[in-house]
Amino acid sequence: ENLKINAKVNGFNENAIQNVIAERERAYQEVKDYKKLTFYPSNANFLYGRTDEKDTLMKMFEEKNITIRNYADNSFRITIGSKEENDMVLDVLRRFEYANC
């Protein structure tokens, strides 16, 4: 009985990990060539980025009730979530990147 439960838990964890990896790569592929934002390759459950216009970016996320990690310099960190959550984050990043172009 315990072996069956552990196998189910481990299987779920592996699936969750694969989903995070796939979503992280999907997000990074979209944003890696942005000009107003710089993102760095990641092996973690987040994307780390920088922008010289961080106050504007943070305001745009706040307007959509999305919280990201805000560091003291020009950097920030975005945790990878579900596809739907990541789509909302990518929409903000897209709007930021292409605003006033």
C-alpha atoms as a PDB file:
ATOM      1  CA  GLU A   1       0.000   0.000   0.000  1.00  0.00           C
ATOM      2  CA  ASN A   2       2.724   2.515   0.943  1.00  0.00           C
ATOM      3  CA  LEU A   3       4.670   1.735  -2.205  1.00  0.00           C
ATOM      4  CA  LYS A   4       1.668   2.573  -4.371  1.00  0.00           C
ATOM      5  CA  ILE A   5       1.168   5.900  -2.592  1.00  0.00           C
ATOM      6  CA  ASN A   6       4.846   6.831  -2.923  1.00  0.00           C
ATOM      7  CA  ALA A   7       4.838   5.963  -6.601  1.00  0.00           C
ATOM      8  CA  LYS A   8       1.820   8.213  -7.175  1.00  0.00           C
ATOM      9  CA  VAL A   9       3.415  11.089  -5.280  1.00  0.00           C
ATOM     10  CA  ASN A  10       6.723  10.690  -7.096  1.00  0.00           C
ATOM     11  CA  GLY A  11       4.929  10.464 -10.435  1.00  0.00           C
ATOM     12  CA  PHE A  12       3.038  13.665  -9.686  1.00  0.00           C
ATOM     13  CA  ASN A  13       6.235  15.449  -8.693  1.00  0.00           C
ATOM     14  CA  GLU A  14       8.000  14.372 -11.854  1.00  0.00           C
ATOM     15  CA  ASN A  15       5.065  15.577 -13.951  1.00  0.00           C
ATOM     16  CA  ALA A  16       4.996  18.907 -12.101  1.00  0.00           C
ATOM     17  CA  ILE A  17       8.739  19.330 -12.619  1.00  0.00           C
ATOM     18  CA  GLN A  18       8.431  18.620 -16.341  1.00  0.00           C
ATOM     19  CA  ASN A  19       5.601  21.171 -16.607  1.00  0.00           C
ATOM     20  CA  VAL A  20       7.718  23.847 -14.912  1.00  0.00           C
ATOM     21  CA  ILE A  21      10.654  23.101 -17.215  1.00  0.00           C
ATOM     22  CA  ALA A  22       8.450  23.262 -20.313  1.00  0.00           C
ATOM     23  CA  GLU A  23       6.793  26.506 -19.206  1.00  0.00           C
ATOM     24  CA  ARG A  24      10.118  28.094 -18.238  1.00  0.00           C
ATOM     25  CA  GLU A  25      11.560  27.272 -21.652  1.00  0.00           C
ATOM     26  CA  ARG A  26       8.452  28.519 -23.454  1.00  0.00           C
ATOM     27  CA  ALA A  27       8.591  31.822 -21.561  1.00  0.00           C
ATOM     28  CA  TYR A  28      12.337  32.251 -22.017  1.00  0.00           C
ATOM     29  CA  GLN A  29      12.130  31.578 -25.758  1.00  0.00           C
ATOM     30  CA  GLU A  30       9.605  34.396 -26.103  1.00  0.00           C
ATOM     31  CA  VAL A  31      11.483  37.001 -24.055  1.00  0.00           C
ATOM     32  CA  LYS A  32      15.150  36.194 -24.675  1.00  0.00           C
ATOM     33  CA  ASP A  33      15.497  38.615 -27.608  1.00  0.00           C
ATOM     34  CA  TYR A  34      13.571  41.523 -26.105  1.00  0.00           C
ATOM     35  CA  LYS A  35      15.454  44.832 -26.261  1.00  0.00           C
ATOM     36  CA  LYS A  36      13.997  46.685 -23.241  1.00  0.00           C
ATOM     37  CA  LEU A  37      14.370  43.625 -21.027  1.00  0.00           C
ATOM     38  CA  THR A  38      17.293  41.296 -20.463  1.00  0.00           C
ATOM     39  CA  PHE A  39      16.600  37.744 -19.321  1.00  0.00           C
ATOM     40  CA  TYR A  40      19.138  35.106 -18.381  1.00  0.00           C
ATOM     41  CA  PRO A  41      18.969  31.358 -19.039  1.00  0.00           C
ATOM     42  CA  SER A  42      17.677  29.474 -16.012  1.00  0.00           C
ATOM     43  CA  ASN A  43      17.626  25.974 -14.611  1.00  0.00           C
ATOM     44  CA  ALA A  44      15.379  27.035 -11.746  1.00  0.00           C
ATOM     45  CA  ASN A  45      11.639  27.629 -11.385  1.00  0.00           C
ATOM     46  CA  PHE A  46      11.986  31.314 -12.253  1.00  0.00           C
ATOM     47  CA  LEU A  47      13.273  33.757 -14.848  1.00  0.00           C
ATOM     48  CA  TYR A  48      15.706  36.447 -13.710  1.00  0.00           C
ATOM     49  CA  GLY A  49      15.665  39.699 -15.629  1.00  0.00           C
ATOM     50  CA  ARG A  50      16.766  43.316 -15.727  1.00  0.00           C
ATOM     51  CA  THR A  51      15.456  46.532 -17.224  1.00  0.00           C
ATOM     52  CA  ASP A  52      16.350  50.199 -16.974  1.00  0.00           C
ATOM     53  CA  GLU A  53      12.618  50.967 -16.813  1.00  0.00           C
ATOM     54  CA  LYS A  54      11.765  48.697 -13.898  1.00  0.00           C
ATOM     55  CA  ASP A  55       9.393  51.161 -12.200  1.00  0.00           C
ATOM     56  CA  THR A  56       7.189  51.160 -15.299  1.00  0.00           C
ATOM     57  CA  LEU A  57       7.327  47.373 -15.545  1.00  0.00           C
ATOM     58  CA  MET A  58       6.441  46.920 -11.870  1.00  0.00           C
ATOM     59  CA  LYS A  59       3.473  49.268 -12.259  1.00  0.00           C
ATOM     60  CA  MET A  60       2.224  47.276 -15.244  1.00  0.00           C
ATOM     61  CA  PHE A  61       2.387  44.051 -13.225  1.00  0.00           C
ATOM     62  CA  GLU A  62       0.664  45.744 -10.278  1.00  0.00           C
ATOM     63  CA  GLU A  63      -2.187  46.906 -12.541  1.00  0.00           C
ATOM     64  CA  LYS A  64      -2.811  43.240 -13.425  1.00  0.00           C
ATOM     65  CA  ASN A  65      -2.506  42.126  -9.760  1.00  0.00           C
ATOM     66  CA  ILE A  66       0.610  40.106 -10.574  1.00  0.00           C
ATOM     67  CA  THR A  67       3.377  40.057  -8.002  1.00  0.00           C
ATOM     68  CA  ILE A  68       6.975  39.464  -9.011  1.00  0.00           C
ATOM     69  CA  ARG A  69      10.156  39.668  -6.932  1.00  0.00           C
ATOM     70  CA  ASN A  70      11.520  43.211  -7.048  1.00  0.00           C
ATOM     71  CA  TYR A  71      15.200  43.658  -6.179  1.00  0.00           C
ATOM     72  CA  ALA A  72      16.847  46.927  -5.106  1.00  0.00           C
ATOM     73  CA  ASP A  73      18.745  47.394  -8.375  1.00  0.00           C
ATOM     74  CA  ASN A  74      17.244  47.130 -11.868  1.00  0.00           C
ATOM     75  CA  SER A  75      16.600  43.390 -11.561  1.00  0.00           C
ATOM     76  CA  PHE A  76      13.547  41.252 -10.875  1.00  0.00           C
ATOM     77  CA  ARG A  77      12.530  37.617 -10.729  1.00  0.00           C
ATOM     78  CA  ILE A  78       9.416  35.966 -12.140  1.00  0.00           C
ATOM     79  CA  THR A  79       8.359  32.600 -10.741  1.00  0.00           C
ATOM     80  CA  ILE A  80       7.122  30.100 -13.313  1.00  0.00           C
ATOM     81  CA  GLY A  81       3.488  29.155 -12.738  1.00  0.00           C
ATOM     82  CA  SER A  82       0.762  27.415 -14.703  1.00  0.00           C
ATOM     83  CA  LYS A  83       0.357  27.995 -18.440  1.00  0.00           C
ATOM     84  CA  GLU A  84      -2.500  30.406 -17.754  1.00  0.00           C
ATOM     85  CA  GLU A  85      -0.481  32.358 -15.171  1.00  0.00           C
ATOM     86  CA  ASN A  86       2.526  32.485 -17.465  1.00  0.00           C
ATOM     87  CA  ASP A  87       0.345  33.693 -20.341  1.00  0.00           C
ATOM     88  CA  MET A  88      -0.740  36.657 -18.174  1.00  0.00           C
ATOM     89  CA  VAL A  89       2.902  37.427 -17.282  1.00  0.00           C
ATOM     90  CA  LEU A  90       3.988  37.159 -20.910  1.00  0.00           C
ATOM     91  CA  ASP A  91       1.186  39.514 -21.930  1.00  0.00           C
ATOM     92  CA  VAL A  92       2.524  42.168 -19.538  1.00  0.00           C
ATOM     93  CA  LEU A  93       6.086  41.649 -20.757  1.00  0.00           C
ATOM     94  CA  ARG A  94       4.936  41.851 -24.389  1.00  0.00           C
ATOM     95  CA  ARG A  95       3.027  45.090 -23.751  1.00  0.00           C
ATOM     96  CA  PHE A  96       6.050  46.538 -21.936  1.00  0.00           C
ATOM     97  CA  GLU A  97       8.485  45.543 -24.692  1.00  0.00           C
ATOM     98  CA  TYR A  98       6.401  46.884 -27.562  1.00  0.00           C
ATOM     99  CA  ALA A  99       4.967  50.012 -25.895  1.00  0.00           C
ATOM    100  CA  ASN A 100       5.792  53.220 -27.794  1.00  0.00           C
ATOM    101  CA  CYS A 101       7.605  51.378 -30.579  1.00  0.00           C
END
